[in-house]
């Protein structure tokens, strides 16, 4: 790789700062952790809703077979 394609340390720092959106590493970690927790809660709610639908469908199938 030619030297002109390798970013300087200053350029790397600017790119990293831009990617972090002005947050400190700790703030970014906390923000990502909170987002992951919210995602887990959403997935659990979707699982519960799908389970409820499946149970209703099974009940309807059982009822139709009688």
PDB file of N, CA and C in Angstrom:
ATOM      1  N   UNK A   1       0.854  -1.172   0.000  1.00  0.00           N
ATOM      2  CA  UNK A   1       0.000   0.000   0.000  1.00  0.00           C
ATOM      3  C   UNK A   1       0.900   1.236   0.000  1.00  0.00           C
ATOM      4  N   UNK A   2       0.718   2.132  -0.944  1.00  0.00           N
ATOM      5  CA  UNK A   2       1.552   3.336  -0.970  1.00  0.00           C
ATOM      6  C   UNK A   2       1.335   4.201   0.262  1.00  0.00           C
ATOM      7  N   UNK A   3       2.360   4.938   0.642  1.00  0.00           N
ATOM      8  CA  UNK A   3       2.280   5.786   1.831  1.00  0.00           C
ATOM      9  C   UNK A   3       1.146   6.803   1.759  1.00  0.00           C
ATOM     10  N   UNK A   4       0.815   7.281   0.566  1.00  0.00           N
ATOM     11  CA  UNK A   4      -0.231   8.297   0.447  1.00  0.00           C
ATOM     12  C   UNK A   4      -1.610   7.768   0.808  1.00  0.00           C
ATOM     13  N   UNK A   5      -1.802   6.449   0.807  1.00  0.00           N
ATOM     14  CA  UNK A   5      -3.102   5.868   1.143  1.00  0.00           C
ATOM     15  C   UNK A   5      -3.250   5.580   2.633  1.00  0.00           C
ATOM     16  N   UNK A   6      -2.168   5.604   3.363  1.00  0.00           N
ATOM     17  CA  UNK A   6      -2.212   5.344   4.802  1.00  0.00           C
ATOM     18  C   UNK A   6      -2.503   6.663   5.515  1.00  0.00           C
ATOM     19  N   UNK A   7      -3.630   6.731   6.235  1.00  0.00           N
ATOM     20  CA  UNK A   7      -3.959   7.998   6.916  1.00  0.00           C
ATOM     21  C   UNK A   7      -2.980   8.280   8.053  1.00  0.00           C
ATOM     22  N   UNK A   8      -2.746   9.547   8.282  1.00  0.00           N
ATOM     23  CA  UNK A   8      -1.869   9.943   9.384  1.00  0.00           C
ATOM     24  C   UNK A   8      -2.594   9.738  10.712  1.00  0.00           C
ATOM     25  N   UNK A   9      -1.851   9.770  11.801  1.00  0.00           N
ATOM     26  CA  UNK A   9      -2.454   9.610  13.125  1.00  0.00           C
ATOM     27  C   UNK A   9      -3.509  10.686  13.380  1.00  0.00           C
ATOM     28  N   UNK A  10      -3.244  11.908  12.927  1.00  0.00           N
ATOM     29  CA  UNK A  10      -4.200  13.002  13.128  1.00  0.00           C
ATOM     30  C   UNK A  10      -5.491  12.728  12.360  1.00  0.00           C
ATOM     31  N   UNK A  11      -5.358  12.209  11.140  1.00  0.00           N
ATOM     32  CA  UNK A  11      -6.550  11.890  10.350  1.00  0.00           C
ATOM     33  C   UNK A  11      -7.347  10.767  10.998  1.00  0.00           C
ATOM     34  N   UNK A  12      -6.652   9.789  11.517  1.00  0.00           N
ATOM     35  CA  UNK A  12      -7.319   8.681  12.198  1.00  0.00           C
ATOM     36  C   UNK A  12      -8.059   9.196  13.422  1.00  0.00           C
ATOM     37  N   UNK A  13      -7.443  10.076  14.193  1.00  0.00           N
ATOM     38  CA  UNK A  13      -8.092  10.653  15.373  1.00  0.00           C
ATOM     39  C   UNK A  13      -9.338  11.445  14.984  1.00  0.00           C
ATOM     40  N   UNK A  14      -9.272  12.213  13.895  1.00  0.00           N
ATOM     41  CA  UNK A  14     -10.443  12.981  13.431  1.00  0.00           C
ATOM     42  C   UNK A  14     -11.564  12.044  12.993  1.00  0.00           C
ATOM     43  N   UNK A  15     -11.212  10.973  12.280  1.00  0.00           N
ATOM     44  CA  UNK A  15     -12.229  10.018  11.844  1.00  0.00           C
ATOM     45  C   UNK A  15     -12.870   9.332  13.045  1.00  0.00           C
ATOM     46  N   UNK A  16     -12.066   8.972  14.033  1.00  0.00           N
ATOM     47  CA  UNK A  16     -12.579   8.321  15.235  1.00  0.00           C
ATOM     48  C   UNK A  16     -13.497   9.262  16.010  1.00  0.00           C
ATOM     49  N   UNK A  17     -13.078  10.511  16.154  1.00  0.00           N
ATOM     50  CA  UNK A  17     -13.910  11.494  16.862  1.00  0.00           C
ATOM     51  C   UNK A  17     -15.238  11.699  16.132  1.00  0.00           C
ATOM     52  N   UNK A  18     -15.194  11.744  14.814  1.00  0.00           N
ATOM     53  CA  UNK A  18     -16.425  11.916  14.034  1.00  0.00           C
ATOM     54  C   UNK A  18     -17.339  10.705  14.200  1.00  0.00           C
ATOM     55  N   UNK A  19     -16.764   9.515  14.203  1.00  0.00           N
ATOM     56  CA  UNK A  19     -17.557   8.293  14.359  1.00  0.00           C
ATOM     57  C   UNK A  19     -18.188   8.210  15.742  1.00  0.00           C
ATOM     58  N   UNK A  20     -17.522   8.790  16.730  1.00  0.00           N
ATOM     59  CA  UNK A  20     -18.033   8.741  18.096  1.00  0.00           C
ATOM     60  C   UNK A  20     -19.046   9.850  18.367  1.00  0.00           C
ATOM     61  N   UNK A  21     -19.246  10.722  17.407  1.00  0.00           N
ATOM     62  CA  UNK A  21     -20.262  11.767  17.537  1.00  0.00           C
ATOM     63  C   UNK A  21     -20.006  12.734  18.673  1.00  0.00           C
ATOM     64  N   UNK A  22     -18.770  12.962  19.013  1.00  0.00           N
ATOM     65  CA  UNK A  22     -18.439  13.905  20.071  1.00  0.00           C
ATOM     66  C   UNK A  22     -18.558  13.334  21.473  1.00  0.00           C
ATOM     67  N   UNK A  23     -18.877  12.060  21.591  1.00  0.00           N
ATOM     68  CA  UNK A  23     -19.000  11.436  22.902  1.00  0.00           C
ATOM     69  C   UNK A  23     -17.656  10.905  23.373  1.00  0.00           C
ATOM     70  N   UNK A  24     -17.500  10.829  24.674  1.00  0.00           N
ATOM     71  CA  UNK A  24     -16.305  10.177  25.213  1.00  0.00           C
ATOM     72  C   UNK A  24     -16.486   8.672  25.060  1.00  0.00           C
ATOM     73  N   UNK A  25     -15.401   7.915  25.140  1.00  0.00           N
ATOM     74  CA  UNK A  25     -15.552   6.459  25.041  1.00  0.00           C
ATOM     75  C   UNK A  25     -16.523   5.900  26.081  1.00  0.00           C
ATOM     76  N   UNK A  26     -16.501   6.442  27.299  1.00  0.00           N
ATOM     77  CA  UNK A  26     -17.397   5.964  28.348  1.00  0.00           C
ATOM     78  C   UNK A  26     -18.855   6.272  28.000  1.00  0.00           C
ATOM     79  N   UNK A  27     -19.113   7.501  27.536  1.00  0.00           N
ATOM     80  CA  UNK A  27     -20.475   7.876  27.157  1.00  0.00           C
ATOM     81  C   UNK A  27     -20.989   7.003  26.014  1.00  0.00           C
ATOM     82  N   UNK A  28     -20.121   6.730  25.059  1.00  0.00           N
ATOM     83  CA  UNK A  28     -20.494   5.883  23.928  1.00  0.00           C
ATOM     84  C   UNK A  28     -20.817   4.471  24.384  1.00  0.00           C
ATOM     85  N   UNK A  29     -20.040   3.947  25.297  1.00  0.00           N
ATOM     86  CA  UNK A  29     -20.283   2.612  25.837  1.00  0.00           C
ATOM     87  C   UNK A  29     -21.615   2.552  26.575  1.00  0.00           C
ATOM     88  N   UNK A  30     -21.896   3.556  27.399  1.00  0.00           N
ATOM     89  CA  UNK A  30     -23.162   3.604  28.143  1.00  0.00           C
ATOM     90  C   UNK A  30     -24.336   3.706  27.161  1.00  0.00           C
ATOM     91  N   UNK A  31     -24.206   4.563  26.151  1.00  0.00           N
ATOM     92  CA  UNK A  31     -25.273   4.741  25.161  1.00  0.00           C
ATOM     93  C   UNK A  31     -25.541   3.424  24.422  1.00  0.00           C
ATOM     94  N   UNK A  32     -24.494   2.746  24.008  1.00  0.00           N
ATOM     95  CA  UNK A  32     -24.665   1.475  23.303  1.00  0.00           C
ATOM     96  C   UNK A  32     -25.259   0.406  24.205  1.00  0.00           C
ATOM     97  N   UNK A  33     -24.877   0.409  25.469  1.00  0.00           N
ATOM     98  CA  UNK A  33     -25.415  -0.558  26.418  1.00  0.00           C
ATOM     99  C   UNK A  33     -26.920  -0.336  26.620  1.00  0.00           C
ATOM    100  N   UNK A  34     -27.325   0.924  26.743  1.00  0.00           N
ATOM    101  CA  UNK A  34     -28.744   1.243  26.903  1.00  0.00           C
ATOM    102  C   UNK A  34     -29.537   0.855  25.659  1.00  0.00           C
ATOM    103  N   UNK A  35     -28.967   1.087  24.490  1.00  0.00           N
ATOM    104  CA  UNK A  35     -29.642   0.719  23.246  1.00  0.00           C
ATOM    105  C   UNK A  35     -29.791  -0.795  23.143  1.00  0.00           C
ATOM    106  N   UNK A  36     -28.766  -1.519  23.566  1.00  0.00           N
ATOM    107  CA  UNK A  36     -28.827  -2.983  23.526  1.00  0.00           C
ATOM    108  C   UNK A  36     -29.880  -3.502  24.498  1.00  0.00           C
ATOM    109  N   UNK A  37     -29.977  -2.900  25.669  1.00  0.00           N
ATOM    110  CA  UNK A  37     -30.986  -3.293  26.648  1.00  0.00           C
ATOM    111  C   UNK A  37     -32.385  -3.064  26.096  1.00  0.00           C
ATOM    112  N   UNK A  38     -32.598  -1.939  25.434  1.00  0.00           N
ATOM    113  CA  UNK A  38     -33.904  -1.647  24.835  1.00  0.00           C
ATOM    114  C   UNK A  38     -34.218  -2.657  23.742  1.00  0.00           C
ATOM    115  N   UNK A  39     -33.213  -3.030  22.965  1.00  0.00           N
ATOM    116  CA  UNK A  39     -33.411  -4.009  21.900  1.00  0.00           C
ATOM    117  C   UNK A  39     -33.794  -5.366  22.485  1.00  0.00           C
ATOM    118  N   UNK A  40     -33.181  -5.734  23.585  1.00  0.00           N
ATOM    119  CA  UNK A  40     -33.504  -7.002  24.247  1.00  0.00           C
ATOM    120  C   UNK A  40     -34.956  -6.985  24.717  1.00  0.00           C
ATOM    121  N   UNK A  41     -35.377  -5.871  25.303  1.00  0.00           N
ATOM    122  CA  UNK A  41     -36.760  -5.754  25.778  1.00  0.00           C
ATOM    123  C   UNK A  41     -37.742  -5.859  24.606  1.00  0.00           C
ATOM    124  N   UNK A  42     -37.407  -5.238  23.476  1.00  0.00           N
ATOM    125  CA  UNK A  42     -38.277  -5.314  22.296  1.00  0.00           C
ATOM    126  C   UNK A  42     -38.367  -6.746  21.786  1.00  0.00           C
ATOM    127  N   UNK A  43     -37.242  -7.449  21.754  1.00  0.00           N
ATOM    128  CA  UNK A  43     -37.247  -8.841  21.289  1.00  0.00           C
ATOM    129  C   UNK A  43     -38.057  -9.721  22.222  1.00  0.00           C
ATOM    130  N   UNK A  44     -37.945  -9.496  23.520  1.00  0.00           N
ATOM    131  CA  UNK A  44     -38.716 -10.285  24.480  1.00  0.00           C
ATOM    132  C   UNK A  44     -40.211 -10.036  24.307  1.00  0.00           C
ATOM    133  N   UNK A  45     -40.590  -8.795  24.053  1.00  0.00           N
ATOM    134  CA  UNK A  45     -42.000  -8.473  23.825  1.00  0.00           C
ATOM    135  C   UNK A  45     -42.500  -9.145  22.549  1.00  0.00           C
ATOM    136  N   UNK A  46     -41.685  -9.146  21.514  1.00  0.00           N
ATOM    137  CA  UNK A  46     -42.075  -9.800  20.260  1.00  0.00           C
ATOM    138  C   UNK A  46     -42.212 -11.306  20.455  1.00  0.00           C
ATOM    139  N   UNK A  47     -41.322 -11.895  21.226  1.00  0.00           N
ATOM    140  CA  UNK A  47     -41.404 -13.338  21.506  1.00  0.00           C
ATOM    141  C   UNK A  47     -42.697 -13.653  22.247  1.00  0.00           C
ATOM    142  N   UNK A  48     -43.027 -12.842  23.244  1.00  0.00           N
ATOM    143  CA  UNK A  48     -44.256 -13.063  24.015  1.00  0.00           C
ATOM    144  C   UNK A  48     -45.489 -12.928  23.123  1.00  0.00           C
ATOM    145  N   UNK A  49     -45.488 -11.928  22.240  1.00  0.00           N
ATOM    146  CA  UNK A  49     -46.622 -11.723  21.348  1.00  0.00           C
ATOM    147  C   UNK A  49     -46.755 -12.894  20.378  1.00  0.00           C
ATOM    148  N   UNK A  50     -45.633 -13.367  19.839  1.00  0.00           N
ATOM    149  CA  UNK A  50     -45.665 -14.513  18.929  1.00  0.00           C
ATOM    150  C   UNK A  50     -46.138 -15.772  19.640  1.00  0.00           C
ATOM    151  N   UNK A  51     -45.740 -15.931  20.891  1.00  0.00           N
ATOM    152  CA  UNK A  51     -46.187 -17.095  21.664  1.00  0.00           C
ATOM    153  C   UNK A  51     -47.700 -17.048  21.858  1.00  0.00           C
ATOM    154  N   UNK A  52     -48.213 -15.867  22.181  1.00  0.00           N
ATOM    155  CA  UNK A  52     -49.655 -15.700  22.367  1.00  0.00           C
ATOM    156  C   UNK A  52     -50.415 -16.030  21.080  1.00  0.00           C
ATOM    157  N   UNK A  53     -49.903 -15.549  19.956  1.00  0.00           N
ATOM    158  CA  UNK A  53     -50.532 -15.849  18.665  1.00  0.00           C
ATOM    159  C   UNK A  53     -50.501 -17.345  18.371  1.00  0.00           C
ATOM    160  N   UNK A  54     -49.373 -17.979  18.652  1.00  0.00           N
ATOM    161  CA  UNK A  54     -49.240 -19.416  18.395  1.00  0.00           C
ATOM    162  C   UNK A  54     -50.220 -20.213  19.248  1.00  0.00           C
ATOM    163  N   UNK A  55     -50.372 -19.822  20.508  1.00  0.00           N
ATOM    164  CA  UNK A  55     -51.314 -20.522  21.381  1.00  0.00           C
ATOM    165  C   UNK A  55     -52.751 -20.351  20.890  1.00  0.00           C
ATOM    166  N   UNK A  56     -53.086 -19.143  20.421  1.00  0.00           N
ATOM    167  CA  UNK A  56     -54.429 -18.913  19.876  1.00  0.00           C
ATOM    168  C   UNK A  56     -54.648 -19.756  18.623  1.00  0.00           C
ATOM    169  N   UNK A  57     -53.630 -19.838  17.783  1.00  0.00           N
ATOM    170  CA  UNK A  57     -53.739 -20.640  16.567  1.00  0.00           C
ATOM    171  C   UNK A  57     -53.903 -22.112  16.902  1.00  0.00           C
ATOM    172  N   UNK A  58     -53.142 -22.617  17.851  1.00  0.00           N
ATOM    173  CA  UNK A  58     -53.276 -24.011  18.271  1.00  0.00           C
ATOM    174  C   UNK A  58     -54.661 -24.287  18.838  1.00  0.00           C
ATOM    175  N   UNK A  59     -55.178 -23.352  19.617  1.00  0.00           N
ATOM    176  CA  UNK A  59     -56.521 -23.513  20.181  1.00  0.00           C
ATOM    177  C   UNK A  59     -57.567 -23.555  19.064  1.00  0.00           C
ATOM    178  N   UNK A  60     -57.408 -22.690  18.063  1.00  0.00           N
ATOM    179  CA  UNK A  60     -58.353 -22.676  16.942  1.00  0.00           C
ATOM    180  C   UNK A  60     -58.263 -23.973  16.146  1.00  0.00           C
ATOM    181  N   UNK A  61     -57.061 -24.502  15.968  1.00  0.00           N
ATOM    182  CA  UNK A  61     -56.890 -25.777  15.250  1.00  0.00           C
ATOM    183  C   UNK A  61     -57.536 -26.904  16.024  1.00  0.00           C
ATOM    184  N   UNK A  62     -57.299 -26.961  17.325  1.00  0.00           N
ATOM    185  CA  UNK A  62     -57.908 -28.001  18.160  1.00  0.00           C
ATOM    186  C   UNK A  62     -59.436 -27.907  18.103  1.00  0.00           C
ATOM    187  N   UNK A  63     -59.957 -26.702  18.160  1.00  0.00           N
ATOM    188  CA  UNK A  63     -61.399 -26.493  18.144  1.00  0.00           C
ATOM    189  C   UNK A  63     -61.995 -26.960  16.805  1.00  0.00           C
ATOM    190  N   UNK A  64     -61.280 -26.689  15.718  1.00  0.00           N
ATOM    191  CA  UNK A  64     -61.800 -27.040  14.396  1.00  0.00           C
ATOM    192  C   UNK A  64     -61.754 -28.563  14.151  1.00  0.00           C
ATOM    193  N   UNK A  65     -60.910 -29.269  14.886  1.00  0.00           N
ATOM    194  CA  UNK A  65     -60.796 -30.703  14.705  1.00  0.00           C
ATOM    195  C   UNK A  65     -61.858 -31.488  15.490  1.00  0.00           C
ATOM    196  N   UNK A  66     -62.504 -30.830  16.415  1.00  0.00           N
ATOM    197  CA  UNK A  66     -63.531 -31.515  17.242  1.00  0.00           C
ATOM    198  C   UNK A  66     -64.836 -31.658  16.525  1.00  0.00           C
TER     199      UNK A  66
END
